[in-house]
Amino acid sequence: MKRTIFIMILFALCLNFNQAHAQRYLPGMKGLQVTAGMADGFHWNGKSDFAYHIGAAYSIYTKHADRWVIGGEYLEKRYDYKDIRIPVQQFTAEGGYYLNFLSDRRKTFFLSAGLSALAGYETSNRGNKLLPDGSTLLSKDAFVYGGALTLELETYLTDRMVLLLNVRERALFGSSIGTFHTQVGIGMKFIIN
């Protein structure tokens, strides 16, 4: 009995010692990701501006562990006005390239820098310019365009699930809520092939 247990333990150690890791970041791999987070700082109290973003994207990996990303994002920022909060929303499409510049030997962690082009639409108070107190919003709904610079950390939880942490700076021209927005987010990527 002791001999059988010893052989099983030895066999288990041999399996873990030279464990083969899954192939990651191969050319042609595809992934779907969803992200969410805060924009323009962390404001949890009711007395300051509040902004958040959510997004979804499709990734295609290239040589050297780089990737193309195509997706969409929703950003909402609320402004206090008397006793109400006025929402300003941005709907943007993104197309960009992410360059992997750091990874560990076991291919568990990847750090990438990305540059993306953005285009979309911005609306204030869901298109309703008349406020309950009779005031009129002067900001107009408009098309917005620009780009984003992203720093993203990916860590594999399983062979098909990846945890994402990112920081990005968006610059959108034509916006009534400012040109630059800093976003901090977390997300999940699912490898689909």
N, C-alpha and C. Protein backbone atom coordinates (compact mmCIF):
# COMPACT_ATOMS: atom_id res chain seq x y z
N MET A 1 0.82 -1.19 0.00
CA MET A 1 0.00 0.00 0.00
C MET A 1 0.86 1.26 0.00
N LYS A 2 1.91 1.25 0.87
CA LYS A 2 2.80 2.41 0.91
C LYS A 2 3.51 2.60 -0.41
N ARG A 3 3.84 1.50 -1.04
CA ARG A 3 4.54 1.56 -2.32
C ARG A 3 3.64 2.19 -3.39
N THR A 4 2.37 1.85 -3.39
CA THR A 4 1.42 2.40 -4.36
C THR A 4 1.24 3.90 -4.14
N ILE A 5 1.12 4.34 -2.90
CA ILE A 5 0.97 5.76 -2.60
C ILE A 5 2.23 6.51 -3.02
N PHE A 6 3.41 5.94 -2.74
CA PHE A 6 4.67 6.56 -3.13
C PHE A 6 4.76 6.72 -4.65
N ILE A 7 4.36 5.72 -5.41
CA ILE A 7 4.39 5.78 -6.87
C ILE A 7 3.40 6.83 -7.39
N MET A 8 2.23 6.95 -6.76
CA MET A 8 1.24 7.94 -7.18
C MET A 8 1.74 9.36 -6.90
N ILE A 9 2.37 9.56 -5.73
CA ILE A 9 2.91 10.89 -5.41
C ILE A 9 4.04 11.24 -6.36
N LEU A 10 4.92 10.29 -6.64
CA LEU A 10 6.02 10.52 -7.57
C LEU A 10 5.49 10.85 -8.97
N PHE A 11 4.48 10.13 -9.40
CA PHE A 11 3.87 10.38 -10.69
C PHE A 11 3.25 11.78 -10.75
N ALA A 12 2.55 12.21 -9.67
CA ALA A 12 1.94 13.54 -9.61
C ALA A 12 3.00 14.63 -9.63
N LEU A 13 4.11 14.42 -8.93
CA LEU A 13 5.20 15.40 -8.95
C LEU A 13 5.81 15.51 -10.34
N CYS A 14 5.97 14.40 -11.03
CA CYS A 14 6.53 14.44 -12.39
C CYS A 14 5.59 15.18 -13.34
N LEU A 15 4.30 15.02 -13.16
CA LEU A 15 3.35 15.74 -14.01
C LEU A 15 3.43 17.24 -13.80
N ASN A 16 3.61 17.67 -12.56
CA ASN A 16 3.67 19.10 -12.27
C ASN A 16 5.03 19.71 -12.56
N PHE A 17 6.08 18.91 -12.50
CA PHE A 17 7.43 19.44 -12.69
C PHE A 17 7.64 19.94 -14.11
N ASN A 18 7.26 19.21 -15.10
CA ASN A 18 7.41 19.60 -16.50
C ASN A 18 6.06 19.87 -17.13
N GLN A 19 5.24 20.58 -16.42
CA GLN A 19 3.88 20.84 -16.89
C GLN A 19 3.90 21.70 -18.15
N ALA A 20 3.18 21.26 -19.15
CA ALA A 20 3.06 22.03 -20.40
C ALA A 20 1.99 23.10 -20.23
N HIS A 21 2.34 24.32 -20.54
CA HIS A 21 1.38 25.42 -20.44
C HIS A 21 0.67 25.59 -21.77
N ALA A 22 -0.55 26.04 -21.69
CA ALA A 22 -1.35 26.23 -22.90
C ALA A 22 -0.69 27.28 -23.79
N GLN A 23 -0.92 27.17 -25.07
CA GLN A 23 -0.42 28.14 -26.02
C GLN A 23 -1.23 29.43 -25.86
N ARG A 24 -0.53 30.53 -25.65
CA ARG A 24 -1.19 31.81 -25.45
C ARG A 24 -0.60 32.84 -26.38
N TYR A 25 -1.44 33.77 -26.80
CA TYR A 25 -1.02 34.86 -27.68
C TYR A 25 -0.50 34.34 -29.01
N LEU A 26 -1.13 33.33 -29.56
CA LEU A 26 -0.72 32.81 -30.85
C LEU A 26 -1.35 33.64 -31.97
N PRO A 27 -0.66 33.78 -33.10
CA PRO A 27 -1.25 34.51 -34.23
C PRO A 27 -2.58 33.87 -34.65
N GLY A 28 -3.58 34.71 -34.83
CA GLY A 28 -4.89 34.22 -35.24
C GLY A 28 -5.85 33.94 -34.11
N MET A 29 -5.38 33.91 -32.85
CA MET A 29 -6.30 33.72 -31.73
C MET A 29 -7.27 34.89 -31.66
N LYS A 30 -8.47 34.61 -31.19
CA LYS A 30 -9.50 35.64 -31.09
C LYS A 30 -10.07 35.65 -29.69
N GLY A 31 -10.48 36.83 -29.24
CA GLY A 31 -11.07 36.95 -27.92
C GLY A 31 -12.15 38.00 -27.87
N LEU A 32 -13.12 37.78 -27.00
CA LEU A 32 -14.18 38.75 -26.72
C LEU A 32 -13.98 39.27 -25.31
N GLN A 33 -14.06 40.60 -25.14
CA GLN A 33 -13.83 41.16 -23.82
C GLN A 33 -14.90 42.16 -23.45
N VAL A 34 -15.17 42.26 -22.15
CA VAL A 34 -16.06 43.26 -21.60
C VAL A 34 -15.30 43.98 -20.48
N THR A 35 -15.46 45.30 -20.41
CA THR A 35 -14.77 46.10 -19.40
C THR A 35 -15.74 47.10 -18.79
N ALA A 36 -15.42 47.54 -17.60
CA ALA A 36 -16.20 48.57 -16.92
C ALA A 36 -15.28 49.28 -15.94
N GLY A 37 -15.63 50.51 -15.61
CA GLY A 37 -14.82 51.24 -14.65
C GLY A 37 -15.26 52.67 -14.46
N MET A 38 -14.40 53.41 -13.79
CA MET A 38 -14.66 54.81 -13.48
C MET A 38 -13.92 55.70 -14.45
N ALA A 39 -14.45 56.90 -14.65
CA ALA A 39 -13.80 57.88 -15.53
C ALA A 39 -13.63 59.19 -14.77
N ASP A 40 -12.55 59.86 -15.04
CA ASP A 40 -12.26 61.17 -14.45
C ASP A 40 -12.24 61.14 -12.92
N GLY A 41 -11.62 60.14 -12.34
CA GLY A 41 -11.49 60.04 -10.89
C GLY A 41 -12.55 59.16 -10.27
N PHE A 42 -12.40 58.92 -8.98
CA PHE A 42 -13.33 58.07 -8.24
C PHE A 42 -14.21 58.95 -7.37
N HIS A 43 -15.46 59.12 -7.79
CA HIS A 43 -16.40 59.97 -7.06
C HIS A 43 -17.57 59.11 -6.61
N TRP A 44 -17.63 58.82 -5.33
CA TRP A 44 -18.71 57.99 -4.82
C TRP A 44 -19.77 58.81 -4.08
N ASN A 45 -19.42 60.00 -3.62
CA ASN A 45 -20.40 60.79 -2.88
C ASN A 45 -21.35 61.50 -3.84
N GLY A 46 -22.46 61.96 -3.34
CA GLY A 46 -23.47 62.58 -4.19
C GLY A 46 -23.22 64.05 -4.51
N LYS A 47 -22.13 64.63 -3.98
CA LYS A 47 -21.90 66.06 -4.17
C LYS A 47 -20.93 66.37 -5.29
N SER A 48 -20.38 65.39 -5.94
CA SER A 48 -19.41 65.67 -7.01
C SER A 48 -19.82 64.96 -8.30
N ASP A 49 -19.17 65.32 -9.36
CA ASP A 49 -19.45 64.70 -10.65
C ASP A 49 -19.18 63.20 -10.59
N PHE A 50 -19.98 62.45 -11.27
CA PHE A 50 -19.85 60.99 -11.29
C PHE A 50 -19.75 60.56 -12.74
N ALA A 51 -18.77 59.70 -13.05
CA ALA A 51 -18.61 59.21 -14.43
C ALA A 51 -18.20 57.74 -14.41
N TYR A 52 -18.76 56.99 -15.34
CA TYR A 52 -18.40 55.58 -15.48
C TYR A 52 -18.40 55.21 -16.95
N HIS A 53 -17.82 54.05 -17.26
CA HIS A 53 -17.80 53.58 -18.64
C HIS A 53 -17.96 52.06 -18.65
N ILE A 54 -18.54 51.56 -19.73
CA ILE A 54 -18.62 50.13 -20.00
C ILE A 54 -18.29 49.93 -21.48
N GLY A 55 -17.73 48.77 -21.79
CA GLY A 55 -17.35 48.53 -23.18
C GLY A 55 -17.26 47.06 -23.50
N ALA A 56 -17.26 46.78 -24.79
CA ALA A 56 -17.09 45.42 -25.31
C ALA A 56 -16.20 45.51 -26.54
N ALA A 57 -15.36 44.50 -26.73
CA ALA A 57 -14.42 44.53 -27.86
C ALA A 57 -14.10 43.12 -28.33
N TYR A 58 -13.60 43.06 -29.54
CA TYR A 58 -13.18 41.83 -30.20
C TYR A 58 -11.69 41.97 -30.52
N SER A 59 -10.88 41.00 -30.11
CA SER A 59 -9.43 41.06 -30.31
C SER A 59 -8.98 39.96 -31.26
N ILE A 60 -8.02 40.31 -32.10
CA ILE A 60 -7.37 39.33 -33.00
C ILE A 60 -5.87 39.46 -32.78
N TYR A 61 -5.23 38.37 -32.38
CA TYR A 61 -3.80 38.39 -32.07
C TYR A 61 -2.96 38.24 -33.33
N THR A 62 -1.82 38.93 -33.35
CA THR A 62 -0.89 38.89 -34.48
C THR A 62 0.43 38.30 -34.01
N LYS A 63 1.43 38.40 -34.87
CA LYS A 63 2.77 37.94 -34.50
C LYS A 63 3.31 38.77 -33.34
N HIS A 64 4.25 38.24 -32.62
CA HIS A 64 4.94 38.92 -31.52
C HIS A 64 3.99 39.29 -30.38
N ALA A 65 2.89 38.58 -30.24
CA ALA A 65 1.92 38.75 -29.14
C ALA A 65 1.24 40.12 -29.15
N ASP A 66 1.14 40.77 -30.30
CA ASP A 66 0.40 42.02 -30.43
C ASP A 66 -1.04 41.69 -30.83
N ARG A 67 -1.92 42.70 -30.85
CA ARG A 67 -3.31 42.41 -31.23
C ARG A 67 -4.02 43.65 -31.78
N TRP A 68 -4.97 43.38 -32.66
CA TRP A 68 -5.90 44.38 -33.17
C TRP A 68 -7.15 44.32 -32.31
N VAL A 69 -7.74 45.47 -32.02
CA VAL A 69 -8.94 45.52 -31.19
C VAL A 69 -10.00 46.37 -31.89
N ILE A 70 -11.21 45.83 -31.97
CA ILE A 70 -12.36 46.54 -32.54
C ILE A 70 -13.48 46.44 -31.50
N GLY A 71 -14.09 47.58 -31.15
CA GLY A 71 -15.12 47.50 -30.13
C GLY A 71 -15.93 48.77 -30.01
N GLY A 72 -16.72 48.82 -28.95
CA GLY A 72 -17.55 49.97 -28.66
C GLY A 72 -17.55 50.27 -27.18
N GLU A 73 -17.86 51.52 -26.85
CA GLU A 73 -17.83 51.92 -25.44
C GLU A 73 -18.93 52.94 -25.16
N TYR A 74 -19.42 52.90 -23.94
CA TYR A 74 -20.42 53.85 -23.45
C TYR A 74 -19.83 54.55 -22.24
N LEU A 75 -19.83 55.88 -22.23
CA LEU A 75 -19.35 56.67 -21.11
C LEU A 75 -20.46 57.62 -20.69
N GLU A 76 -20.72 57.68 -19.40
CA GLU A 76 -21.72 58.61 -18.88
C GLU A 76 -21.10 59.41 -17.75
N LYS A 77 -21.28 60.72 -17.84
CA LYS A 77 -20.82 61.63 -16.80
C LYS A 77 -22.01 62.45 -16.37
N ARG A 78 -22.21 62.59 -15.05
CA ARG A 78 -23.36 63.32 -14.52
C ARG A 78 -22.88 64.59 -13.84
N TYR A 79 -23.60 65.68 -14.08
CA TYR A 79 -23.27 66.97 -13.50
C TYR A 79 -24.40 67.40 -12.58
N ASP A 80 -24.03 67.93 -11.42
CA ASP A 80 -25.02 68.45 -10.48
C ASP A 80 -25.53 69.80 -10.96
N TYR A 81 -26.84 69.95 -10.92
CA TYR A 81 -27.48 71.23 -11.21
C TYR A 81 -28.65 71.37 -10.25
N LYS A 82 -28.51 72.27 -9.32
CA LYS A 82 -29.50 72.46 -8.25
C LYS A 82 -29.75 71.12 -7.56
N ASP A 83 -30.96 70.57 -7.65
CA ASP A 83 -31.24 69.31 -6.96
C ASP A 83 -31.33 68.12 -7.93
N ILE A 84 -30.87 68.27 -9.16
CA ILE A 84 -30.90 67.17 -10.13
C ILE A 84 -29.49 66.88 -10.64
N ARG A 85 -29.34 65.78 -11.29
CA ARG A 85 -28.06 65.42 -11.92
C ARG A 85 -28.32 65.27 -13.42
N ILE A 86 -27.57 66.01 -14.21
CA ILE A 86 -27.76 66.01 -15.66
C ILE A 86 -26.75 65.05 -16.29
N PRO A 87 -27.23 64.01 -16.99
CA PRO A 87 -26.30 63.06 -17.61
C PRO A 87 -25.84 63.53 -18.99
N VAL A 88 -24.56 63.32 -19.26
CA VAL A 88 -24.00 63.51 -20.59
C VAL A 88 -23.43 62.15 -20.99
N GLN A 89 -23.86 61.64 -22.14
CA GLN A 89 -23.49 60.29 -22.56
C GLN A 89 -22.71 60.33 -23.86
N GLN A 90 -21.72 59.44 -23.96
CA GLN A 90 -20.95 59.28 -25.19
C GLN A 90 -21.02 57.82 -25.62
N PHE A 91 -21.34 57.61 -26.88
CA PHE A 91 -21.34 56.29 -27.50
C PHE A 91 -20.23 56.31 -28.54
N THR A 92 -19.20 55.49 -28.37
CA THR A 92 -18.06 55.53 -29.29
C THR A 92 -17.71 54.15 -29.82
N ALA A 93 -17.21 54.14 -31.05
CA ALA A 93 -16.65 52.93 -31.66
C ALA A 93 -15.13 53.10 -31.65
N GLU A 94 -14.44 51.97 -31.53
CA GLU A 94 -12.98 52.01 -31.40
C GLU A 94 -12.34 51.01 -32.35
N GLY A 95 -11.22 51.39 -32.90
CA GLY A 95 -10.37 50.49 -33.67
C GLY A 95 -8.94 50.82 -33.33
N GLY A 96 -8.16 49.81 -32.89
CA GLY A 96 -6.80 50.14 -32.47
C GLY A 96 -5.86 48.95 -32.48
N TYR A 97 -4.61 49.24 -32.18
CA TYR A 97 -3.55 48.24 -32.17
C TYR A 97 -2.86 48.28 -30.81
N TYR A 98 -2.69 47.12 -30.19
CA TYR A 98 -2.06 47.00 -28.88
C TYR A 98 -0.74 46.25 -29.04
N LEU A 99 0.32 46.85 -28.55
CA LEU A 99 1.67 46.31 -28.66
C LEU A 99 2.07 45.70 -27.32
N ASN A 100 2.35 44.41 -27.31
CA ASN A 100 2.80 43.73 -26.09
C ASN A 100 4.27 44.05 -25.88
N PHE A 101 4.62 44.63 -24.72
CA PHE A 101 6.02 44.97 -24.49
C PHE A 101 6.61 44.30 -23.27
N LEU A 102 5.81 43.55 -22.49
CA LEU A 102 6.35 42.87 -21.32
C LEU A 102 5.49 41.66 -20.99
N SER A 103 6.14 40.53 -20.73
CA SER A 103 5.42 39.34 -20.28
C SER A 103 6.36 38.48 -19.46
N ASP A 104 5.78 37.61 -18.65
CA ASP A 104 6.61 36.72 -17.85
C ASP A 104 6.95 35.47 -18.67
N ARG A 105 7.87 34.70 -18.17
CA ARG A 105 8.36 33.52 -18.89
C ARG A 105 7.28 32.46 -19.07
N ARG A 106 6.38 32.35 -18.11
CA ARG A 106 5.34 31.32 -18.17
C ARG A 106 4.12 31.78 -18.97
N LYS A 107 4.15 32.99 -19.51
CA LYS A 107 3.05 33.56 -20.30
C LYS A 107 1.74 33.60 -19.50
N THR A 108 1.84 34.15 -18.30
CA THR A 108 0.68 34.34 -17.44
C THR A 108 0.27 35.80 -17.40
N PHE A 109 1.25 36.71 -17.37
CA PHE A 109 1.01 38.15 -17.32
C PHE A 109 1.53 38.80 -18.59
N PHE A 110 0.75 39.73 -19.14
CA PHE A 110 1.13 40.48 -20.33
C PHE A 110 0.82 41.94 -20.10
N LEU A 111 1.76 42.81 -20.44
CA LEU A 111 1.54 44.25 -20.35
C LEU A 111 1.61 44.82 -21.76
N SER A 112 0.57 45.54 -22.15
CA SER A 112 0.46 46.07 -23.52
C SER A 112 0.16 47.56 -23.50
N ALA A 113 0.62 48.24 -24.53
CA ALA A 113 0.28 49.64 -24.76
C ALA A 113 -0.51 49.70 -26.06
N GLY A 114 -1.62 50.43 -26.04
CA GLY A 114 -2.47 50.49 -27.21
C GLY A 114 -2.76 51.91 -27.66
N LEU A 115 -2.94 52.05 -28.95
CA LEU A 115 -3.33 53.32 -29.55
C LEU A 115 -4.56 53.05 -30.40
N SER A 116 -5.63 53.81 -30.16
CA SER A 116 -6.91 53.57 -30.83
C SER A 116 -7.48 54.85 -31.41
N ALA A 117 -8.23 54.69 -32.48
CA ALA A 117 -9.02 55.78 -33.05
C ALA A 117 -10.45 55.62 -32.54
N LEU A 118 -11.08 56.73 -32.17
CA LEU A 118 -12.44 56.71 -31.63
C LEU A 118 -13.34 57.65 -32.43
N ALA A 119 -14.57 57.25 -32.62
CA ALA A 119 -15.58 58.11 -33.24
C ALA A 119 -16.93 57.72 -32.66
N GLY A 120 -17.79 58.71 -32.47
CA GLY A 120 -19.09 58.40 -31.90
C GLY A 120 -20.00 59.60 -31.78
N TYR A 121 -20.92 59.51 -30.84
CA TYR A 121 -21.96 60.52 -30.68
C TYR A 121 -22.09 60.87 -29.19
N GLU A 122 -22.34 62.14 -28.91
CA GLU A 122 -22.52 62.61 -27.53
C GLU A 122 -23.87 63.29 -27.42
N THR A 123 -24.57 62.99 -26.33
CA THR A 123 -25.86 63.61 -26.08
C THR A 123 -25.93 64.09 -24.63
N SER A 124 -26.58 65.23 -24.41
CA SER A 124 -26.75 65.80 -23.07
C SER A 124 -28.19 65.63 -22.63
N ASN A 125 -28.39 65.12 -21.43
CA ASN A 125 -29.71 64.93 -20.82
C ASN A 125 -30.65 64.14 -21.73
N ARG A 126 -30.09 63.17 -22.42
CA ARG A 126 -30.84 62.27 -23.33
C ARG A 126 -31.62 63.05 -24.39
N GLY A 127 -31.04 64.17 -24.83
CA GLY A 127 -31.66 64.98 -25.88
C GLY A 127 -32.67 65.99 -25.39
N ASN A 128 -33.05 65.94 -24.13
CA ASN A 128 -34.04 66.86 -23.58
C ASN A 128 -33.32 68.11 -23.08
N LYS A 129 -33.46 69.23 -23.79
CA LYS A 129 -32.73 70.46 -23.46
C LYS A 129 -33.45 71.32 -22.41
N LEU A 130 -34.73 71.09 -22.20
CA LEU A 130 -35.49 71.87 -21.22
C LEU A 130 -35.43 71.16 -19.86
N LEU A 131 -34.96 71.86 -18.85
CA LEU A 131 -34.86 71.29 -17.50
C LEU A 131 -36.14 71.54 -16.72
N PRO A 132 -36.37 70.80 -15.62
CA PRO A 132 -37.62 70.95 -14.86
C PRO A 132 -37.88 72.36 -14.32
N ASP A 133 -36.81 73.15 -14.08
CA ASP A 133 -37.02 74.49 -13.55
C ASP A 133 -37.19 75.53 -14.66
N GLY A 134 -37.28 75.12 -15.91
CA GLY A 134 -37.48 76.03 -17.03
C GLY A 134 -36.19 76.46 -17.71
N SER A 135 -35.05 76.11 -17.17
CA SER A 135 -33.76 76.45 -17.79
C SER A 135 -33.56 75.60 -19.03
N THR A 136 -32.71 76.10 -19.93
CA THR A 136 -32.40 75.39 -21.16
C THR A 136 -30.91 75.06 -21.21
N LEU A 137 -30.60 73.82 -21.55
CA LEU A 137 -29.20 73.42 -21.73
C LEU A 137 -28.68 73.99 -23.04
N LEU A 138 -27.50 74.59 -23.00
CA LEU A 138 -26.90 75.16 -24.20
C LEU A 138 -26.01 74.16 -24.94
N SER A 139 -25.59 73.11 -24.26
CA SER A 139 -24.75 72.12 -24.94
C SER A 139 -25.59 71.35 -25.94
N LYS A 140 -25.00 71.12 -27.11
CA LYS A 140 -25.73 70.46 -28.19
C LYS A 140 -25.24 69.04 -28.35
N ASP A 141 -26.11 68.19 -28.83
CA ASP A 141 -25.70 66.84 -29.19
C ASP A 141 -24.77 66.95 -30.39
N ALA A 142 -23.72 66.11 -30.41
CA ALA A 142 -22.73 66.26 -31.47
C ALA A 142 -22.00 64.96 -31.74
N PHE A 143 -21.41 64.89 -32.93
CA PHE A 143 -20.51 63.79 -33.23
C PHE A 143 -19.15 64.12 -32.63
N VAL A 144 -18.51 63.10 -32.06
CA VAL A 144 -17.20 63.27 -31.44
C VAL A 144 -16.21 62.34 -32.12
N TYR A 145 -14.95 62.73 -32.12
CA TYR A 145 -13.90 61.93 -32.75
C TYR A 145 -12.59 62.19 -32.03
N GLY A 146 -11.69 61.24 -32.10
CA GLY A 146 -10.39 61.41 -31.45
C GLY A 146 -9.67 60.09 -31.32
N GLY A 147 -8.99 59.93 -30.20
CA GLY A 147 -8.20 58.72 -29.99
C GLY A 147 -8.04 58.41 -28.52
N ALA A 148 -7.40 57.27 -28.26
CA ALA A 148 -7.16 56.83 -26.89
C ALA A 148 -5.80 56.15 -26.81
N LEU A 149 -5.12 56.38 -25.70
CA LEU A 149 -3.86 55.72 -25.38
C LEU A 149 -4.12 54.86 -24.16
N THR A 150 -3.82 53.55 -24.26
CA THR A 150 -4.19 52.60 -23.22
C THR A 150 -2.98 51.82 -22.73
N LEU A 151 -2.92 51.58 -21.43
CA LEU A 151 -1.96 50.68 -20.82
C LEU A 151 -2.78 49.57 -20.18
N GLU A 152 -2.54 48.31 -20.61
CA GLU A 152 -3.40 47.21 -20.17
C GLU A 152 -2.58 46.03 -19.67
N LEU A 153 -2.98 45.51 -18.51
CA LEU A 153 -2.38 44.32 -17.93
C LEU A 153 -3.36 43.17 -18.09
N GLU A 154 -2.88 42.06 -18.65
CA GLU A 154 -3.70 40.87 -18.79
C GLU A 154 -3.08 39.76 -17.97
N THR A 155 -3.89 39.03 -17.24
CA THR A 155 -3.42 37.86 -16.52
C THR A 155 -4.40 36.70 -16.76
N TYR A 156 -3.86 35.56 -17.13
CA TYR A 156 -4.67 34.40 -17.43
C TYR A 156 -5.13 33.73 -16.15
N LEU A 157 -6.43 33.62 -15.97
CA LEU A 157 -7.01 32.89 -14.85
C LEU A 157 -7.13 31.42 -15.20
N THR A 158 -7.57 31.14 -16.41
CA THR A 158 -7.58 29.79 -16.98
C THR A 158 -7.07 29.93 -18.41
N ASP A 159 -7.06 28.85 -19.16
CA ASP A 159 -6.58 28.92 -20.53
C ASP A 159 -7.50 29.73 -21.44
N ARG A 160 -8.75 29.93 -21.04
CA ARG A 160 -9.70 30.67 -21.88
C ARG A 160 -10.28 31.91 -21.21
N MET A 161 -9.91 32.19 -19.97
CA MET A 161 -10.41 33.37 -19.26
C MET A 161 -9.24 34.24 -18.83
N VAL A 162 -9.34 35.54 -19.15
CA VAL A 162 -8.26 36.48 -18.88
C VAL A 162 -8.84 37.66 -18.10
N LEU A 163 -8.16 38.03 -17.01
CA LEU A 163 -8.53 39.21 -16.23
C LEU A 163 -7.79 40.41 -16.81
N LEU A 164 -8.51 41.51 -17.04
CA LEU A 164 -7.93 42.72 -17.61
C LEU A 164 -7.97 43.86 -16.60
N LEU A 165 -6.88 44.60 -16.51
CA LEU A 165 -6.81 45.84 -15.75
C LEU A 165 -6.25 46.89 -16.70
N ASN A 166 -6.92 48.02 -16.83
CA ASN A 166 -6.40 49.01 -17.77
C ASN A 166 -6.58 50.44 -17.28
N VAL A 167 -5.72 51.29 -17.81
CA VAL A 167 -5.77 52.73 -17.62
C VAL A 167 -5.69 53.33 -19.01
N ARG A 168 -6.59 54.25 -19.30
CA ARG A 168 -6.56 54.86 -20.64
C ARG A 168 -6.89 56.34 -20.57
N GLU A 169 -6.31 57.05 -21.50
CA GLU A 169 -6.57 58.48 -21.65
C GLU A 169 -7.24 58.68 -23.00
N ARG A 170 -8.48 59.18 -22.96
CA ARG A 170 -9.23 59.45 -24.19
C ARG A 170 -9.19 60.93 -24.50
N ALA A 171 -9.03 61.25 -25.76
CA ALA A 171 -9.10 62.63 -26.24
C ALA A 171 -10.15 62.68 -27.32
N LEU A 172 -11.29 63.32 -27.03
CA LEU A 172 -12.40 63.41 -27.98
C LEU A 172 -12.70 64.87 -28.29
N PHE A 173 -12.64 65.21 -29.55
CA PHE A 173 -12.90 66.57 -30.01
C PHE A 173 -14.37 66.69 -30.40
N GLY A 174 -14.93 67.87 -30.18
CA GLY A 174 -16.34 68.10 -30.45
C GLY A 174 -17.22 67.85 -29.24
N SER A 175 -16.63 67.48 -28.11
CA SER A 175 -17.38 67.16 -26.91
C SER A 175 -17.69 68.42 -26.10
N SER A 176 -18.84 68.42 -25.44
CA SER A 176 -19.21 69.55 -24.59
C SER A 176 -18.77 69.33 -23.14
N ILE A 177 -18.27 68.13 -22.81
CA ILE A 177 -17.86 67.86 -21.42
C ILE A 177 -16.35 67.79 -21.27
N GLY A 178 -15.62 68.30 -22.23
CA GLY A 178 -14.17 68.30 -22.13
C GLY A 178 -13.54 67.36 -23.13
N THR A 179 -12.30 67.65 -23.47
CA THR A 179 -11.60 66.86 -24.47
C THR A 179 -10.99 65.60 -23.90
N PHE A 180 -10.40 65.68 -22.70
CA PHE A 180 -9.65 64.55 -22.14
C PHE A 180 -10.42 63.87 -21.01
N HIS A 181 -10.39 62.54 -21.02
CA HIS A 181 -11.01 61.73 -19.97
C HIS A 181 -10.07 60.58 -19.61
N THR A 182 -9.74 60.48 -18.33
CA THR A 182 -8.91 59.38 -17.84
C THR A 182 -9.83 58.28 -17.31
N GLN A 183 -9.60 57.05 -17.76
CA GLN A 183 -10.44 55.93 -17.34
C GLN A 183 -9.58 54.87 -16.66
N VAL A 184 -10.13 54.27 -15.62
CA VAL A 184 -9.53 53.14 -14.96
C VAL A 184 -10.57 52.04 -14.98
N GLY A 185 -10.19 50.85 -15.47
CA GLY A 185 -11.20 49.81 -15.62
C GLY A 185 -10.69 48.42 -15.32
N ILE A 186 -11.63 47.53 -15.21
CA ILE A 186 -11.38 46.10 -15.00
C ILE A 186 -12.29 45.35 -15.95
N GLY A 187 -11.87 44.19 -16.39
CA GLY A 187 -12.70 43.45 -17.33
C GLY A 187 -12.31 41.99 -17.42
N MET A 188 -13.02 41.28 -18.28
CA MET A 188 -12.76 39.87 -18.55
C MET A 188 -12.68 39.67 -20.06
N LYS A 189 -11.74 38.85 -20.47
CA LYS A 189 -11.63 38.47 -21.87
C LYS A 189 -11.83 36.96 -21.95
N PHE A 190 -12.57 36.53 -22.95
CA PHE A 190 -12.82 35.11 -23.18
C PHE A 190 -12.22 34.73 -24.53
N ILE A 191 -11.26 33.82 -24.51
CA ILE A 191 -10.63 33.36 -25.74
C ILE A 191 -11.60 32.40 -26.42
N ILE A 192 -11.92 32.67 -27.68
CA ILE A 192 -12.96 31.89 -28.37
C ILE A 192 -12.41 30.89 -29.38
N ASN A 193 -11.10 30.88 -29.63
CA ASN A 193 -10.56 29.80 -30.48
C ASN A 193 -9.13 29.48 -30.10
